[in-house]
N, C-alpha and C. Protein backbone atom coordinates (compact mmCIF):
# COMPACT_ATOMS: atom_id res chain seq x y z
N MET A 1 0.85 -1.19 0.00
CA MET A 1 0.00 0.00 0.00
C MET A 1 0.88 1.24 0.00
N LYS A 2 0.58 2.15 -0.92
CA LYS A 2 1.32 3.42 -0.98
C LYS A 2 0.83 4.34 0.13
N GLU A 3 1.76 5.10 0.69
CA GLU A 3 1.42 6.04 1.76
C GLU A 3 2.05 7.39 1.49
N ILE A 4 1.42 8.43 2.03
CA ILE A 4 1.93 9.79 1.93
C ILE A 4 1.68 10.47 3.27
N SER A 5 2.59 11.32 3.69
CA SER A 5 2.43 12.02 4.97
C SER A 5 1.52 13.23 4.81
N THR A 6 0.97 13.68 5.92
CA THR A 6 0.13 14.88 5.90
C THR A 6 0.95 16.09 5.44
N LYS A 7 2.21 16.15 5.85
CA LYS A 7 3.09 17.27 5.46
C LYS A 7 3.27 17.31 3.94
N ASP A 8 3.47 16.13 3.33
CA ASP A 8 3.63 16.08 1.86
C ASP A 8 2.36 16.52 1.15
N VAL A 9 1.21 16.08 1.64
CA VAL A 9 -0.07 16.50 1.05
C VAL A 9 -0.23 18.01 1.18
N GLN A 10 0.01 18.53 2.37
CA GLN A 10 -0.12 19.97 2.62
C GLN A 10 0.81 20.77 1.70
N GLN A 11 2.05 20.33 1.58
CA GLN A 11 3.04 21.01 0.74
C GLN A 11 2.59 21.02 -0.73
N ARG A 12 2.11 19.89 -1.20
CA ARG A 12 1.66 19.80 -2.59
C ARG A 12 0.47 20.72 -2.84
N LEU A 13 -0.47 20.78 -1.89
CA LEU A 13 -1.62 21.68 -2.02
C LEU A 13 -1.18 23.14 -2.00
N GLU A 14 -0.26 23.47 -1.10
CA GLU A 14 0.23 24.85 -1.01
C GLU A 14 1.00 25.26 -2.26
N ASN A 15 1.58 24.29 -2.96
CA ASN A 15 2.29 24.56 -4.21
C ASN A 15 1.34 24.64 -5.40
N GLY A 16 0.04 24.55 -5.13
CA GLY A 16 -0.96 24.71 -6.17
C GLY A 16 -1.30 23.44 -6.94
N GLU A 17 -0.82 22.31 -6.45
CA GLU A 17 -1.10 21.04 -7.12
C GLU A 17 -2.56 20.66 -6.88
N LYS A 18 -3.21 20.15 -7.92
CA LYS A 18 -4.61 19.68 -7.80
C LYS A 18 -4.56 18.21 -7.40
N LEU A 19 -4.99 17.91 -6.18
CA LEU A 19 -4.99 16.54 -5.68
C LEU A 19 -6.42 16.03 -5.59
N ASN A 20 -6.60 14.76 -5.81
CA ASN A 20 -7.92 14.12 -5.70
C ASN A 20 -7.99 13.46 -4.33
N LEU A 21 -8.58 14.17 -3.38
CA LEU A 21 -8.65 13.72 -1.99
C LEU A 21 -10.02 13.12 -1.71
N ILE A 22 -10.03 11.93 -1.14
CA ILE A 22 -11.28 11.29 -0.75
C ILE A 22 -11.27 11.09 0.76
N ASP A 23 -12.23 11.71 1.44
CA ASP A 23 -12.35 11.61 2.89
C ASP A 23 -13.40 10.53 3.19
N VAL A 24 -12.98 9.48 3.91
CA VAL A 24 -13.89 8.36 4.18
C VAL A 24 -14.49 8.40 5.59
N ARG A 25 -14.36 9.55 6.27
CA ARG A 25 -14.95 9.68 7.60
C ARG A 25 -16.47 9.81 7.52
N GLU A 26 -17.11 9.77 8.67
CA GLU A 26 -18.56 9.93 8.75
C GLU A 26 -18.95 11.39 8.54
N VAL A 27 -20.22 11.62 8.24
CA VAL A 27 -20.72 12.96 7.93
C VAL A 27 -20.40 13.97 9.03
N ASP A 28 -20.66 13.62 10.29
CA ASP A 28 -20.42 14.58 11.39
C ASP A 28 -18.94 14.90 11.54
N GLU A 29 -18.05 13.95 11.25
CA GLU A 29 -16.61 14.20 11.34
C GLU A 29 -16.18 15.20 10.26
N VAL A 30 -16.71 15.03 9.06
CA VAL A 30 -16.36 15.92 7.96
C VAL A 30 -16.91 17.32 8.20
N LYS A 31 -18.13 17.41 8.75
CA LYS A 31 -18.72 18.72 9.07
C LYS A 31 -17.88 19.46 10.11
N ALA A 32 -17.24 18.72 11.01
CA ALA A 32 -16.43 19.34 12.07
C ALA A 32 -15.14 19.94 11.53
N GLY A 33 -14.73 19.54 10.35
CA GLY A 33 -13.53 20.10 9.74
C GLY A 33 -12.92 19.16 8.72
N HIS A 34 -12.65 19.71 7.53
CA HIS A 34 -12.08 18.89 6.47
C HIS A 34 -11.16 19.74 5.58
N ILE A 35 -10.35 19.07 4.79
CA ILE A 35 -9.46 19.74 3.85
C ILE A 35 -10.31 20.23 2.68
N SER A 36 -10.06 21.44 2.24
CA SER A 36 -10.80 22.02 1.13
C SER A 36 -10.65 21.17 -0.13
N GLY A 37 -11.75 20.97 -0.83
CA GLY A 37 -11.72 20.28 -2.11
C GLY A 37 -11.84 18.77 -2.06
N ILE A 38 -12.13 18.23 -0.87
CA ILE A 38 -12.27 16.77 -0.76
C ILE A 38 -13.51 16.26 -1.47
N LYS A 39 -13.51 14.98 -1.79
CA LYS A 39 -14.73 14.27 -2.17
C LYS A 39 -15.05 13.42 -0.95
N HIS A 40 -16.27 13.51 -0.44
CA HIS A 40 -16.64 12.77 0.77
C HIS A 40 -17.38 11.49 0.39
N ILE A 41 -16.76 10.37 0.73
CA ILE A 41 -17.41 9.07 0.55
C ILE A 41 -17.19 8.27 1.84
N PRO A 42 -18.18 8.21 2.73
CA PRO A 42 -18.00 7.44 3.96
C PRO A 42 -17.57 6.01 3.65
N LEU A 43 -16.68 5.47 4.47
CA LEU A 43 -16.14 4.13 4.24
C LEU A 43 -17.24 3.10 4.01
N ALA A 44 -18.31 3.17 4.79
CA ALA A 44 -19.40 2.19 4.67
C ALA A 44 -20.10 2.24 3.31
N LEU A 45 -19.96 3.34 2.60
CA LEU A 45 -20.62 3.50 1.29
C LEU A 45 -19.66 3.32 0.13
N LEU A 46 -18.38 3.14 0.41
CA LEU A 46 -17.37 3.12 -0.65
C LEU A 46 -17.66 2.08 -1.72
N GLU A 47 -18.00 0.86 -1.33
CA GLU A 47 -18.23 -0.19 -2.32
C GLU A 47 -19.40 0.14 -3.25
N PHE A 48 -20.35 0.97 -2.78
CA PHE A 48 -21.51 1.33 -3.58
C PHE A 48 -21.26 2.57 -4.45
N ARG A 49 -20.12 3.24 -4.21
CA ARG A 49 -19.85 4.49 -4.94
C ARG A 49 -18.58 4.44 -5.78
N THR A 50 -18.01 3.26 -5.97
CA THR A 50 -16.78 3.17 -6.78
C THR A 50 -17.02 3.62 -8.21
N HIS A 51 -18.28 3.56 -8.68
CA HIS A 51 -18.59 4.02 -10.04
C HIS A 51 -18.32 5.51 -10.23
N GLU A 52 -18.19 6.26 -9.12
CA GLU A 52 -17.92 7.69 -9.18
C GLU A 52 -16.43 7.98 -9.39
N LEU A 53 -15.60 6.95 -9.30
CA LEU A 53 -14.15 7.11 -9.38
C LEU A 53 -13.62 6.59 -10.70
N ASP A 54 -12.46 7.13 -11.10
CA ASP A 54 -11.81 6.75 -12.36
C ASP A 54 -10.51 6.02 -12.06
N LYS A 55 -10.34 4.84 -12.63
CA LYS A 55 -9.14 4.04 -12.35
C LYS A 55 -7.86 4.70 -12.86
N LYS A 56 -7.98 5.67 -13.77
CA LYS A 56 -6.79 6.36 -14.30
C LYS A 56 -6.38 7.54 -13.41
N THR A 57 -7.23 7.93 -12.48
CA THR A 57 -6.98 9.09 -11.62
C THR A 57 -6.34 8.65 -10.32
N PRO A 58 -5.24 9.31 -9.90
CA PRO A 58 -4.66 8.99 -8.59
C PRO A 58 -5.46 9.66 -7.47
N TYR A 59 -5.74 8.89 -6.42
CA TYR A 59 -6.50 9.40 -5.28
C TYR A 59 -5.68 9.28 -4.00
N ILE A 60 -5.92 10.21 -3.08
CA ILE A 60 -5.34 10.15 -1.74
C ILE A 60 -6.50 9.98 -0.77
N MET A 61 -6.42 8.93 0.04
CA MET A 61 -7.49 8.59 0.97
C MET A 61 -7.21 9.21 2.34
N ILE A 62 -8.26 9.75 2.97
CA ILE A 62 -8.13 10.46 4.24
C ILE A 62 -9.18 9.97 5.23
N CYS A 63 -8.79 9.86 6.51
CA CYS A 63 -9.75 9.63 7.59
C CYS A 63 -9.24 10.35 8.84
N ARG A 64 -9.70 9.94 10.01
CA ARG A 64 -9.31 10.62 11.25
C ARG A 64 -7.85 10.33 11.61
N SER A 65 -7.46 9.04 11.57
CA SER A 65 -6.11 8.69 12.03
C SER A 65 -5.30 7.86 11.02
N GLY A 66 -5.92 7.42 9.94
CA GLY A 66 -5.22 6.64 8.93
C GLY A 66 -5.67 5.20 8.84
N GLY A 67 -6.47 4.73 9.79
CA GLY A 67 -6.93 3.34 9.79
C GLY A 67 -8.00 3.06 8.75
N ARG A 68 -9.08 3.84 8.78
CA ARG A 68 -10.16 3.63 7.82
C ARG A 68 -9.70 3.94 6.40
N SER A 69 -8.88 4.98 6.26
CA SER A 69 -8.38 5.30 4.92
C SER A 69 -7.45 4.20 4.42
N GLY A 70 -6.75 3.53 5.34
CA GLY A 70 -5.92 2.39 4.97
C GLY A 70 -6.76 1.25 4.43
N LYS A 71 -7.89 0.99 5.09
CA LYS A 71 -8.80 -0.06 4.61
C LYS A 71 -9.37 0.32 3.24
N ALA A 72 -9.74 1.59 3.08
CA ALA A 72 -10.27 2.06 1.81
C ALA A 72 -9.22 1.95 0.71
N THR A 73 -7.98 2.28 1.05
CA THR A 73 -6.88 2.19 0.08
C THR A 73 -6.69 0.75 -0.38
N GLN A 74 -6.65 -0.17 0.57
CA GLN A 74 -6.49 -1.59 0.22
C GLN A 74 -7.64 -2.09 -0.64
N TYR A 75 -8.86 -1.71 -0.29
CA TYR A 75 -10.04 -2.13 -1.05
C TYR A 75 -9.97 -1.62 -2.49
N LEU A 76 -9.72 -0.30 -2.64
CA LEU A 76 -9.68 0.28 -3.99
C LEU A 76 -8.52 -0.27 -4.80
N GLU A 77 -7.38 -0.49 -4.14
CA GLU A 77 -6.23 -1.11 -4.82
C GLU A 77 -6.61 -2.46 -5.39
N SER A 78 -7.36 -3.24 -4.63
CA SER A 78 -7.76 -4.57 -5.07
C SER A 78 -8.66 -4.52 -6.30
N LEU A 79 -9.28 -3.37 -6.53
CA LEU A 79 -10.14 -3.18 -7.71
C LEU A 79 -9.39 -2.53 -8.87
N GLY A 80 -8.11 -2.22 -8.65
CA GLY A 80 -7.29 -1.66 -9.73
C GLY A 80 -7.18 -0.15 -9.74
N PHE A 81 -7.59 0.51 -8.65
CA PHE A 81 -7.47 1.97 -8.57
C PHE A 81 -6.07 2.38 -8.12
N ASN A 82 -5.66 3.59 -8.50
CA ASN A 82 -4.37 4.17 -8.11
C ASN A 82 -4.62 5.01 -6.85
N VAL A 83 -4.38 4.42 -5.68
CA VAL A 83 -4.71 5.09 -4.41
C VAL A 83 -3.52 5.09 -3.45
N THR A 84 -3.48 6.13 -2.62
CA THR A 84 -2.45 6.31 -1.62
C THR A 84 -3.12 6.68 -0.30
N ASN A 85 -2.65 6.12 0.79
CA ASN A 85 -3.20 6.42 2.12
C ASN A 85 -2.44 7.58 2.75
N MET A 86 -3.18 8.58 3.27
CA MET A 86 -2.55 9.68 4.01
C MET A 86 -2.37 9.23 5.46
N THR A 87 -1.13 8.97 5.84
CA THR A 87 -0.84 8.46 7.18
C THR A 87 -1.08 9.54 8.24
N GLY A 88 -1.59 9.11 9.38
CA GLY A 88 -1.85 10.04 10.48
C GLY A 88 -3.20 10.70 10.41
N GLY A 89 -3.79 10.73 9.23
CA GLY A 89 -5.12 11.30 9.06
C GLY A 89 -5.26 12.73 9.52
N MET A 90 -6.49 13.13 9.79
CA MET A 90 -6.77 14.51 10.19
C MET A 90 -6.19 14.85 11.56
N LEU A 91 -5.92 13.85 12.39
CA LEU A 91 -5.29 14.12 13.68
C LEU A 91 -3.89 14.71 13.49
N ALA A 92 -3.21 14.33 12.41
CA ALA A 92 -1.87 14.82 12.15
C ALA A 92 -1.85 16.03 11.21
N TRP A 93 -3.01 16.40 10.66
CA TRP A 93 -3.09 17.49 9.69
C TRP A 93 -2.86 18.83 10.37
N GLU A 94 -1.93 19.62 9.81
CA GLU A 94 -1.62 20.94 10.35
C GLU A 94 -2.01 22.06 9.42
N GLY A 95 -2.54 21.70 8.25
CA GLY A 95 -2.93 22.72 7.27
C GLY A 95 -4.30 23.30 7.56
N ASN A 96 -4.77 24.11 6.62
CA ASN A 96 -6.08 24.75 6.76
C ASN A 96 -7.19 23.71 6.64
N ILE A 97 -8.29 23.99 7.35
CA ILE A 97 -9.46 23.15 7.24
C ILE A 97 -10.69 24.04 7.06
N GLU A 98 -11.71 23.46 6.48
CA GLU A 98 -12.98 24.19 6.30
C GLU A 98 -13.97 23.73 7.35
C-alpha cells in the first residue's frame, strides 16, 4: 500500500497542485472540519460508490487517524485503482481546514 504524509499532502496543495482527496470519515466528522476540495465518501458506502471514481486518476485517501483510509486504500487497490493512504489522518493534519 502506498502512503503519503500529511506534510507532503499539505506542501503539494500549497504549491498549487490539484490533488484528488477522498475523505472516508462519517458525515459529522467531515462537518467538524475537512481539507478544502475533498470528495466525501463514507467508508461504509465506498463499495456502492466506486462508479464515481476513475481508475486512471490517482487518489489520496483520508480519515481521522489513517486506519479507515488504509482499509479504503487496500479495497480500492484490489479493484485496480491508483490510491495512496494519508498516514496520520486529520489528527496529524496541520494545514487549513474548512
